[in-house]
Each structure stands twice: as C-alpha cells, then as structure tokens.
C-alpha cells in the first residue's frame, strides 16, 4: 500500500519546476505580499490572493535557499511563522527573514526546526 507524502499546509512548499507555493494565515490583513530577496535585484514583491478564512496564498518562481518574508498591509515584512528555516537577517534593514527549504535536504546554516503550528499574523 502506497503512503501519501506529507505536505506542508502553511508556509513555503517547494513545487516542481522551481516554483514555491506560499500560504499564510493573516486574519487581520487587508493585503498580503510575499517578499523574495533575489540578488542582484534585491527585494521583489508578489501579491498574495485571499483564499478565505484569513488564508492568503501565491505561487512564484523561487529556488531552494531563497530568503523571503510576508508583507502585511503594505508595511513591514515579517518572517513566516510556519517556516522550517529562519537562517539569517536581511542585511538591508536588519529585519528577520525565512528561508525556503525542501524536505530531506540539509540547511546551509546547519540548523533544523520542526514546522511551527499556524499562527495569527496581524498588523
């Protein structure tokens, strides 16, 4: 009997073809964007779609190891509360960031975390 592979419901999920699905629970947000730190361009923002019940999502091109944050209501970016990697800080403004990782791969920083339970992010 085949066993279905576990998939992360919230956070950054690596998909085929170099794409990543981002999902976050942000019940009080009016708008949500995912900020991708993409050298040499710097920060590139992608709007997220409201799915209902406070859940926002987007699918974007981003390789494993990319740093990202969620930007709420066109204000500050916040690290992903469901990220399995928070390896570094954005050097441009000293704000924390999350890192995209794939299950079964080691982290560059050598740190490992279990997925966090979904958390409310509000502005």
N, C-alpha and C. Protein backbone atom coordinates (compact mmCIF):
# COMPACT_ATOMS: atom_id res chain seq x y z
N UNK A 1 0.85 -1.18 0.00
CA UNK A 1 0.00 0.00 0.00
C UNK A 1 0.89 1.24 0.00
N UNK A 2 0.65 2.15 -0.92
CA UNK A 2 1.44 3.37 -1.02
C UNK A 2 1.01 4.36 0.05
N UNK A 3 1.98 5.05 0.59
CA UNK A 3 1.72 6.06 1.60
C UNK A 3 1.85 7.44 0.96
N UNK A 4 0.88 8.28 1.17
CA UNK A 4 0.94 9.64 0.62
C UNK A 4 2.05 10.42 1.31
N UNK A 5 2.78 11.20 0.54
CA UNK A 5 3.84 12.03 1.09
C UNK A 5 3.24 13.22 1.82
N UNK A 6 3.75 13.49 3.03
CA UNK A 6 3.27 14.63 3.81
C UNK A 6 3.61 15.92 3.10
N UNK A 7 2.69 16.89 3.13
CA UNK A 7 2.92 18.19 2.54
C UNK A 7 2.59 19.27 3.56
N UNK A 8 3.38 20.29 3.58
CA UNK A 8 3.18 21.42 4.46
C UNK A 8 1.96 22.21 4.00
N UNK A 9 1.01 22.45 4.90
CA UNK A 9 -0.21 23.17 4.54
C UNK A 9 0.02 24.68 4.53
N UNK A 10 0.77 25.18 5.48
CA UNK A 10 1.09 26.61 5.56
C UNK A 10 2.59 26.78 5.39
N UNK A 11 3.00 27.98 5.06
CA UNK A 11 4.43 28.24 4.87
C UNK A 11 4.81 28.12 3.42
N UNK A 12 6.09 27.83 3.16
CA UNK A 12 6.64 27.71 1.81
C UNK A 12 6.77 26.24 1.44
N UNK A 13 6.08 25.82 0.40
CA UNK A 13 6.14 24.44 -0.07
C UNK A 13 6.79 24.42 -1.45
N UNK A 14 7.90 23.71 -1.58
CA UNK A 14 8.60 23.61 -2.86
C UNK A 14 7.80 22.72 -3.80
N UNK A 15 7.55 23.23 -5.02
CA UNK A 15 6.82 22.50 -6.05
C UNK A 15 7.78 22.13 -7.17
N UNK A 16 7.31 21.38 -8.13
CA UNK A 16 8.13 21.05 -9.30
C UNK A 16 8.37 22.30 -10.14
N UNK A 17 9.44 22.27 -10.93
CA UNK A 17 9.70 23.35 -11.89
C UNK A 17 10.24 24.62 -11.28
N UNK A 18 10.83 24.55 -10.08
CA UNK A 18 11.42 25.75 -9.48
C UNK A 18 10.41 26.73 -8.92
N UNK A 19 9.22 26.26 -8.63
CA UNK A 19 8.17 27.13 -8.09
C UNK A 19 7.94 26.80 -6.62
N UNK A 20 7.41 27.77 -5.90
CA UNK A 20 7.12 27.62 -4.48
C UNK A 20 5.73 28.14 -4.21
N UNK A 21 4.96 27.38 -3.44
CA UNK A 21 3.63 27.83 -3.01
C UNK A 21 3.78 28.38 -1.60
N UNK A 22 3.37 29.63 -1.41
CA UNK A 22 3.40 30.28 -0.11
C UNK A 22 1.96 30.39 0.39
N UNK A 23 1.75 30.01 1.67
CA UNK A 23 0.45 30.17 2.32
C UNK A 23 0.68 30.66 3.72
N UNK A 24 -0.13 31.65 4.12
CA UNK A 24 -0.02 32.21 5.47
C UNK A 24 -1.41 32.53 5.98
N UNK A 25 -1.58 32.41 7.28
CA UNK A 25 -2.83 32.75 7.95
C UNK A 25 -2.64 34.14 8.54
N UNK A 26 -3.32 35.12 7.97
CA UNK A 26 -3.20 36.52 8.40
C UNK A 26 -4.61 37.11 8.44
N UNK A 27 -5.32 36.81 9.51
CA UNK A 27 -6.75 37.13 9.59
C UNK A 27 -7.07 38.62 9.58
N UNK A 28 -6.18 39.45 10.12
CA UNK A 28 -6.47 40.88 10.20
C UNK A 28 -5.91 41.67 9.02
N UNK A 29 -5.24 41.01 8.10
CA UNK A 29 -4.60 41.73 6.98
C UNK A 29 -5.62 42.14 5.93
N UNK A 30 -5.39 43.31 5.36
CA UNK A 30 -6.17 43.79 4.21
C UNK A 30 -5.50 43.38 2.91
N UNK A 31 -4.16 43.37 2.90
CA UNK A 31 -3.36 42.92 1.76
C UNK A 31 -2.16 42.14 2.30
N UNK A 32 -1.70 41.16 1.52
CA UNK A 32 -0.51 40.40 1.88
C UNK A 32 0.31 40.20 0.61
N UNK A 33 1.61 40.39 0.75
CA UNK A 33 2.55 40.12 -0.34
C UNK A 33 3.64 39.21 0.20
N UNK A 34 4.23 38.40 -0.67
CA UNK A 34 5.43 37.67 -0.29
C UNK A 34 6.60 38.44 -0.88
N UNK A 35 7.58 38.76 -0.02
CA UNK A 35 8.80 39.46 -0.45
C UNK A 35 9.88 38.42 -0.64
N UNK A 36 10.45 38.37 -1.82
CA UNK A 36 11.53 37.45 -2.13
C UNK A 36 12.81 38.27 -2.24
N UNK A 37 13.85 37.86 -1.52
CA UNK A 37 15.14 38.53 -1.65
C UNK A 37 15.89 37.81 -2.76
N UNK A 38 16.04 38.50 -3.89
CA UNK A 38 16.58 37.90 -5.09
C UNK A 38 17.75 38.72 -5.63
N UNK A 39 18.98 38.42 -5.17
CA UNK A 39 20.13 39.15 -5.70
C UNK A 39 20.26 38.91 -7.20
N UNK A 40 20.66 39.84 -8.02
CA UNK A 40 21.05 41.19 -7.63
C UNK A 40 19.89 42.18 -7.60
N UNK A 41 18.65 41.72 -7.91
CA UNK A 41 17.51 42.63 -7.98
C UNK A 41 17.15 43.24 -6.63
N UNK A 42 17.43 42.54 -5.55
CA UNK A 42 17.03 42.99 -4.23
C UNK A 42 15.70 42.36 -3.88
N UNK A 43 14.82 43.11 -3.21
CA UNK A 43 13.53 42.58 -2.79
C UNK A 43 12.52 42.72 -3.93
N UNK A 44 11.89 41.59 -4.27
CA UNK A 44 10.83 41.57 -5.27
C UNK A 44 9.56 41.13 -4.55
N UNK A 45 8.47 41.88 -4.74
CA UNK A 45 7.21 41.58 -4.04
C UNK A 45 6.18 40.99 -5.01
N UNK A 46 5.46 39.97 -4.51
CA UNK A 46 4.39 39.33 -5.27
C UNK A 46 3.12 39.38 -4.45
N UNK A 47 2.00 39.85 -5.03
CA UNK A 47 0.74 39.88 -4.28
C UNK A 47 0.24 38.47 -4.01
N UNK A 48 -0.37 38.30 -2.85
CA UNK A 48 -0.97 37.03 -2.49
C UNK A 48 -2.49 37.16 -2.60
N UNK A 49 -3.15 36.07 -2.95
CA UNK A 49 -4.60 36.05 -3.10
C UNK A 49 -5.25 35.57 -1.81
N UNK A 50 -6.37 36.21 -1.46
CA UNK A 50 -7.11 35.81 -0.26
C UNK A 50 -7.96 34.59 -0.61
N UNK A 51 -7.73 33.49 0.11
CA UNK A 51 -8.48 32.25 -0.13
C UNK A 51 -9.75 32.18 0.71
N UNK A 52 -9.84 33.01 1.74
CA UNK A 52 -10.94 32.93 2.69
C UNK A 52 -10.44 32.46 4.04
N UNK A 53 -11.21 32.74 5.08
CA UNK A 53 -10.87 32.34 6.46
C UNK A 53 -9.49 32.85 6.88
N UNK A 54 -9.06 33.98 6.33
CA UNK A 54 -7.79 34.59 6.72
C UNK A 54 -6.57 33.99 6.08
N UNK A 55 -6.74 33.05 5.15
CA UNK A 55 -5.61 32.40 4.48
C UNK A 55 -5.30 33.11 3.16
N UNK A 56 -4.01 33.39 2.95
CA UNK A 56 -3.51 34.06 1.75
C UNK A 56 -2.51 33.13 1.07
N UNK A 57 -2.46 33.15 -0.29
CA UNK A 57 -1.53 32.27 -0.98
C UNK A 57 -1.03 32.89 -2.28
N UNK A 58 0.13 32.38 -2.73
CA UNK A 58 0.72 32.75 -4.02
C UNK A 58 1.67 31.65 -4.43
N UNK A 59 1.83 31.46 -5.74
CA UNK A 59 2.82 30.54 -6.28
C UNK A 59 3.77 31.38 -7.13
N UNK A 60 5.07 31.31 -6.81
CA UNK A 60 6.07 32.12 -7.52
C UNK A 60 7.29 31.27 -7.84
N UNK A 61 8.08 31.74 -8.80
CA UNK A 61 9.37 31.12 -9.10
C UNK A 61 10.36 31.54 -8.04
N UNK A 62 10.96 30.56 -7.37
CA UNK A 62 11.97 30.84 -6.34
C UNK A 62 12.73 29.55 -6.05
N UNK A 63 14.06 29.58 -6.11
CA UNK A 63 14.83 28.37 -5.83
C UNK A 63 14.95 28.09 -4.33
N UNK A 64 15.22 26.83 -4.00
CA UNK A 64 15.50 26.45 -2.62
C UNK A 64 16.67 27.29 -2.13
N UNK A 65 16.58 27.77 -0.89
CA UNK A 65 17.63 28.62 -0.32
C UNK A 65 17.31 30.10 -0.37
N UNK A 66 16.28 30.48 -1.12
CA UNK A 66 15.88 31.88 -1.23
C UNK A 66 15.32 32.37 0.09
N UNK A 67 15.61 33.62 0.44
CA UNK A 67 15.05 34.25 1.64
C UNK A 67 13.75 34.95 1.28
N UNK A 68 12.79 34.93 2.23
CA UNK A 68 11.50 35.57 1.97
C UNK A 68 10.88 36.07 3.28
N UNK A 69 9.90 36.95 3.13
CA UNK A 69 9.07 37.43 4.25
C UNK A 69 7.67 37.68 3.72
N UNK A 70 6.73 37.84 4.64
CA UNK A 70 5.37 38.25 4.28
C UNK A 70 5.21 39.72 4.64
N UNK A 71 4.69 40.49 3.71
CA UNK A 71 4.46 41.93 3.92
C UNK A 71 2.96 42.15 4.05
N UNK A 72 2.56 42.66 5.23
CA UNK A 72 1.14 42.86 5.51
C UNK A 72 0.77 44.32 5.37
N UNK A 73 -0.35 44.58 4.70
CA UNK A 73 -0.93 45.92 4.60
C UNK A 73 0.06 46.97 4.10
N UNK A 74 0.96 46.55 3.19
CA UNK A 74 1.94 47.44 2.57
C UNK A 74 2.85 48.11 3.60
N UNK A 75 3.12 47.40 4.70
CA UNK A 75 4.00 47.91 5.74
C UNK A 75 5.21 47.00 5.85
N UNK A 76 5.67 46.67 7.04
CA UNK A 76 6.86 45.86 7.25
C UNK A 76 6.66 44.42 6.81
N UNK A 77 7.77 43.76 6.47
CA UNK A 77 7.77 42.34 6.18
C UNK A 77 8.02 41.57 7.47
N UNK A 78 7.40 40.40 7.59
CA UNK A 78 7.53 39.55 8.77
C UNK A 78 7.99 38.16 8.36
N UNK A 79 8.80 37.50 9.20
CA UNK A 79 9.18 36.12 8.89
C UNK A 79 7.96 35.21 8.93
N UNK A 80 8.06 34.10 8.26
CA UNK A 80 6.98 33.12 8.19
C UNK A 80 6.89 32.35 9.50
N UNK A 81 5.75 32.40 10.20
CA UNK A 81 5.63 31.67 11.46
C UNK A 81 5.65 30.16 11.27
N UNK A 82 5.46 29.67 10.04
CA UNK A 82 5.48 28.23 9.77
C UNK A 82 6.75 27.80 9.04
N UNK A 83 7.71 28.67 8.93
CA UNK A 83 8.95 28.34 8.24
C UNK A 83 9.73 27.28 8.99
N UNK A 84 10.37 26.40 8.25
CA UNK A 84 11.26 25.41 8.85
C UNK A 84 12.69 25.93 8.88
N UNK A 85 12.91 27.15 8.39
CA UNK A 85 14.26 27.73 8.38
C UNK A 85 14.17 29.24 8.53
N UNK A 86 14.86 29.77 9.53
CA UNK A 86 15.00 31.21 9.69
C UNK A 86 16.49 31.48 9.87
N UNK A 87 17.26 31.28 8.79
CA UNK A 87 18.71 31.21 8.90
C UNK A 87 19.44 32.54 9.04
N UNK A 88 18.80 33.64 8.69
CA UNK A 88 19.57 34.88 8.60
C UNK A 88 18.66 36.09 8.70
N UNK A 89 19.25 37.24 8.56
CA UNK A 89 18.53 38.52 8.57
C UNK A 89 18.78 39.21 7.26
N UNK A 90 17.80 39.97 6.78
CA UNK A 90 18.04 40.81 5.61
C UNK A 90 19.06 41.86 6.00
N UNK A 91 20.14 41.96 5.28
CA UNK A 91 21.17 42.93 5.64
C UNK A 91 20.76 44.36 5.34
N UNK A 92 19.82 44.57 4.42
CA UNK A 92 19.45 45.92 4.03
C UNK A 92 18.75 46.68 5.15
N UNK A 93 18.00 45.98 6.02
CA UNK A 93 17.30 46.70 7.08
C UNK A 93 17.30 45.95 8.42
N UNK A 94 18.01 44.85 8.50
CA UNK A 94 18.15 44.13 9.75
C UNK A 94 16.90 43.43 10.23
N UNK A 95 15.91 43.21 9.36
CA UNK A 95 14.68 42.52 9.75
C UNK A 95 14.82 41.03 9.49
N UNK A 96 14.23 40.17 10.33
CA UNK A 96 14.37 38.72 10.15
C UNK A 96 13.70 38.23 8.88
N UNK A 97 14.22 37.13 8.36
CA UNK A 97 13.68 36.52 7.14
C UNK A 97 13.58 35.02 7.33
N UNK A 98 12.80 34.38 6.48
CA UNK A 98 12.68 32.93 6.46
C UNK A 98 13.41 32.42 5.23
N UNK A 99 13.75 31.13 5.24
CA UNK A 99 14.43 30.53 4.08
C UNK A 99 13.61 29.38 3.52
N UNK A 100 13.61 29.26 2.19
CA UNK A 100 12.91 28.16 1.53
C UNK A 100 13.79 26.93 1.59
N UNK A 101 13.24 25.84 2.13
CA UNK A 101 13.97 24.57 2.14
C UNK A 101 13.06 23.48 1.62
N UNK A 102 13.65 22.39 1.17
CA UNK A 102 12.88 21.23 0.72
C UNK A 102 13.07 20.12 1.73
N UNK A 103 12.03 19.34 1.97
CA UNK A 103 12.13 18.21 2.91
C UNK A 103 13.25 17.28 2.47
N UNK A 104 14.02 16.80 3.44
CA UNK A 104 15.08 15.86 3.15
C UNK A 104 16.39 16.49 2.74
N UNK A 105 16.47 17.82 2.68
CA UNK A 105 17.72 18.49 2.33
C UNK A 105 18.28 19.14 3.57
N UNK A 106 19.58 19.19 3.68
CA UNK A 106 20.19 19.84 4.84
C UNK A 106 20.19 21.34 4.64
N UNK A 107 20.15 22.07 5.73
CA UNK A 107 20.16 23.52 5.69
C UNK A 107 21.60 24.02 5.63
N UNK A 108 21.80 25.11 4.91
CA UNK A 108 23.13 25.70 4.82
C UNK A 108 23.62 26.10 6.20
N UNK A 109 22.73 26.63 7.03
CA UNK A 109 23.13 27.09 8.36
C UNK A 109 23.36 25.92 9.32
N UNK A 110 22.91 24.74 8.95
CA UNK A 110 23.06 23.58 9.82
C UNK A 110 21.98 23.47 10.88
N UNK A 111 21.07 24.45 10.94
CA UNK A 111 20.00 24.42 11.93
C UNK A 111 18.81 23.67 11.37
N UNK A 112 18.12 22.97 12.21
CA UNK A 112 16.87 22.30 11.82
C UNK A 112 15.79 22.67 12.83
N UNK A 113 14.60 22.87 12.31
CA UNK A 113 13.44 23.16 13.16
C UNK A 113 12.28 22.31 12.70
N UNK A 114 11.40 22.01 13.60
CA UNK A 114 10.14 21.38 13.24
C UNK A 114 9.20 22.47 12.76
N UNK A 115 8.24 22.12 11.89
CA UNK A 115 7.27 23.13 11.48
C UNK A 115 6.51 23.66 12.68
N UNK A 116 6.30 24.96 12.70
CA UNK A 116 5.53 25.58 13.78
C UNK A 116 4.06 25.44 13.46
N UNK A 117 3.21 25.44 14.46
CA UNK A 117 1.77 25.44 14.18
C UNK A 117 1.39 26.78 13.57
N UNK A 118 0.32 26.83 12.79
CA UNK A 118 -0.10 28.11 12.22
C UNK A 118 -0.30 29.16 13.31
N UNK A 119 0.09 30.38 13.00
CA UNK A 119 -0.03 31.46 13.96
C UNK A 119 -0.73 32.64 13.32
N UNK A 120 -1.45 33.39 14.09
CA UNK A 120 -2.12 34.58 13.58
C UNK A 120 -1.10 35.67 13.39
N UNK A 121 -1.07 36.24 12.19
CA UNK A 121 -0.21 37.39 11.91
C UNK A 121 -1.14 38.57 11.70
N UNK A 122 -0.95 39.60 12.48
CA UNK A 122 -1.79 40.78 12.30
C UNK A 122 -0.91 42.01 12.31
N UNK A 123 -1.43 43.04 11.67
CA UNK A 123 -0.65 44.27 11.55
C UNK A 123 -0.65 45.05 12.83
